[in-house]
Amino acid sequence: MEEKRGNITNFWCIFLHSFLLLFFGERTLAELRYSIPEEMATGNIVGNVAKDLGLERSSLSDRRFRVVSGSADAYFEVNADNGALQVRGKIDREELCQGSGACLMELKILVENPLEVHYVVVEITDVNDHSPIFSEKKQIFEIAEHSSPGTRFQLHAATDPDAGTNSVRTYTLTSNEHFELDIVQSDDEKIPFLVLKRSLDREQKNKHSLFVTAVDGGKPQKSSTLNVTVIVLDNNDNRPMFNQDTYNVDLFENVLGGTIVARVNATDPDEGTNGEIEYSLSKTLISKVSDIFEIDSLSGQIKLKRPVNYEESEIYKLEIEASDKGSPPLTSRCRVLVKIKDVNDNHPVIELTSLSNKVSEDSKPGTVISLISVLDKDSGVNGKINLHITNDVPFELKPSYKENTYSVATKRFLDREEVSSYEITIKATDCGDPPLSSFRTFEIEVSDVNDNSPHFDQSPFNFYLLENNVAGASVFSLRATDNDINENAVIQYKIVRTDKDSIATSLMSINSENGDVTALKSFDFETLKSFHFQVLATDGGSPPLSSNVTVNVFILDQNDNTPVILYPVSSNGSAEGVEEIARNMKAGDLVTKVRAYDADIGYNGWLLFSFGQVTDHSLFSLDRYTGQIRTLRSLTETDEAEHRLPILVKDNGNVSLTATAVVTVKLVEPKEAFAASDVKSAAKLDQEEDNVTFYLIITLGSVSLLFVISIIVLIAMQCSKSTEYTSKYLQDTNYDGTLCHSIQYRSGDKRYMLVGPRMSIGSTVVPGSQANTLVLPDRRHTSAEKGPVEGQEVGNGTDGGLHLCRYGDERGTSESIMAAPSGNRSIGRRPCR
């Protein structure tokens, strides 16, 4: 039952193997056949393979034209210059091939780009380069006298390694009156027998010397001689007889040494010592057989000395002699044929005929990267092999038209950035029972193709740069990455010149190698607050790939501007002024207001006012936030008529900058103060009437220019569709330097901001009141609502009114209220901070 199941398994293995070859096999390539004699001199040309295959001679070197057929390339080589197949070393047919059959050597000729394999069969024809050889130079026969004519005695057979007509053709015997030669054809060899044609007479001649000559069929003929000595003995008239002339034995390979192979049996009707038989292996056996088999001289049992191997020989021929102990002894022979049965004891061998260890990532599916041959020394179903790739890789095996030859090809597109190399494991399994397997692993590296553009981590890039930077110094760096390698990942940087960003090329430069950006000039926040430009990153591939990124540069303010006194200003430009006030002024009345301006913004532009060294601290007060000078008490007649008030104006920067002014207050009688006020008003009215026309022209021109600029900006915004994140600062020359004060606090999900002027040092805020307070909804969770851009002023400032400022970014929107100080309707518009 098990044997039947094994036969069914073997049948399906053979059927599957044949079906795969028939369905997936490659188209048959040309197969060339040449014939040369053995012992051909090194360098002789066998044939022009390139010409016979139709290959271009000029491309042979570039296509790596070569022989790749295992050990066969030790005997042959190809000339890449002329395409000829040449003899590389000495070829001895007798070493390569046994027997008289055709001696064929199969070569694989490989060319690359594209990868092709061609099969060349070279037949090695025999040359008569060996003489017949007898295993022994002498042979002695002891023949009893009165032996019957026709008695046959087997002679040593000569062997000749040559094949065909060059092997042993015949034997000759020196002329004599008692013996003749008979030649018997057995299988593929000729066995000579010495035949007695006349009875011997020991009393006449007790010893005969003969010469047997073995002659081959070559031209010229070669020969060797065997010395045959016949000793005439007294009569022992019965020789041992085997019960079979030929014994046939089947033996599985790899059985252990000492195993009994067979037992021969011979009988002799003589009595006594003439009937006692001894068995032995014939001396004519080749040494390889005597090294494997031995026979028990008494029992006739044939045993193995060591295990046999089917792959070494499929059959062994043993000559067994049985001799009695008569005088002279008589001998007979029989033949034992031992046929070796194959056992699945050889693992398949995987041979990489050709391997390209690199494959480009842009290779098309079906690109061949390697040729593979597989061999199993076993025969029949034990030698049938199934081949497959064990691991999950984007490669597949394609069978060739020639059995047990495959190609490894890609089955889909590759991507080096995903996987840079593959380890391919191939498993070969034969159809034996049990099946045997072997593995072969090799690595394929995926070569890079420039298929990835440089990539910036963010876009756009926003950089903040303090004004008054050092010209020529590096201010920031840009870095792009490229997933490719080697020259495909080498990145060059440059600033793109466009009409829109033409100013940037005169302000910044970039290092083409490392992306370091250098400022070509020192920036002034009050002149330029922001700008942008584009940087192009290009890799070193062929063709090169590139990508660009927008760089936004924001200039940050520094406290580099000293406060400027707007009032008082004298005719010669110095910050000095004279104020005349009536002596009847009461406490808290306004004397004058010092006005100042700072070109910086934020804290750097917030100004504080204070007195310098004054003579009387009890008469006047200065509001440190508004610059208003007021009386602290009512004026009396005893007060001095003139007071010099030095004013110090200081900004709020980390390192404060200051300016000074001097206000001289003169105390006059009420009538004089009124007259002086009328004179000043008239002078001022005349001056205003003189300048009204000039201001009107300036105003009309400014309005027209702003209208044209607004139209151009709207058109540009529609075209570019991009948001420019630049600060919108509105400044007014009438800014009076007043600092606003704000208080912020949160209650639940609502946020409050109270902003108002510091009316005096003692100003207070009542938390429970709603004066100057705006309740703002929390907009952190309503980011979908759209509001004004950063720093946009929503409300209009009036005396004591409120300004609503809204700030927006990606995290949400915040708002603040700025209150204009009361008593001043000409307060300048300040940026929302």
Foldseek 3Di string as FASTA:
>chain_A
DVVVVLVVLLVVLVVVQVVQLVPQADDDADEAEFEDAAQDDFFDFGFQQCVVRVHDLVCQVVFVWWWQDPPVVCQWIADSNRRTITGHDGGDQLVQDFAADWRKDWIWIWTPPPTDIYIYIYTHAYALPWAWAFLDQEDEAEAEFPADFFDKAWDGFTFTSTHDQSTWDDKAKDDDDFWHWDWDDDDPGITIIITGHDTDDCVVPQKDWMKMKTWGRHVVIHIDIHIYMYGYWHDLHWAKAWPDQEAEWEAEFPDAFFDFGDATDIFTPDDDQQTQKFKFWDPSDDVVVVQFWGAHGRGRTITGRGTDACLVDQKDKTKMKIWGRDIVIHIDIHIYIYGYDYALPWAKDKDWSDADQEDALADAFFRWGTKIAIFTSTDRQSTRKDKWWDDDDQWTWGHHSDPRIITITGHHGGDCLVPFKDKIKMKMWTSHVVIHIDIDIDMHGHAYALPWAWAFPDAAAEAEAEFQDDAFDFDDFGDTATSTDDQSTQKFKFWDDDPVQPVVVCQWTAHRRGRGIGGRDGDACLVDFKGKTKMKIWTRHVVIHIDMHMYIYGYDYALPWAKAWPPPADPVGAQEEEFEDEQQDFAFDWRDATFIFTSTADQSTAKFKDWDDWDDPQFWDAFRFGRTITGHGHGDPPDDQKTKTKMWMWGRHPDIHIDIHIYMYGYDHPVVNVVVVVVVVVVVVVVCVVCVVVVVVVVVVVVVVVVVVVVVVVVVCVVVVDDDPTDDWDWDPLARSGDKDKDWDDDPQKIKMAIAGDPHPPDDDDVVDCQSMDIDGRFQPVQVDDDDEAQDWDDDAAAQAKIKGWYDDPRGIDIYIYHHHHPDGSHIDGTDD
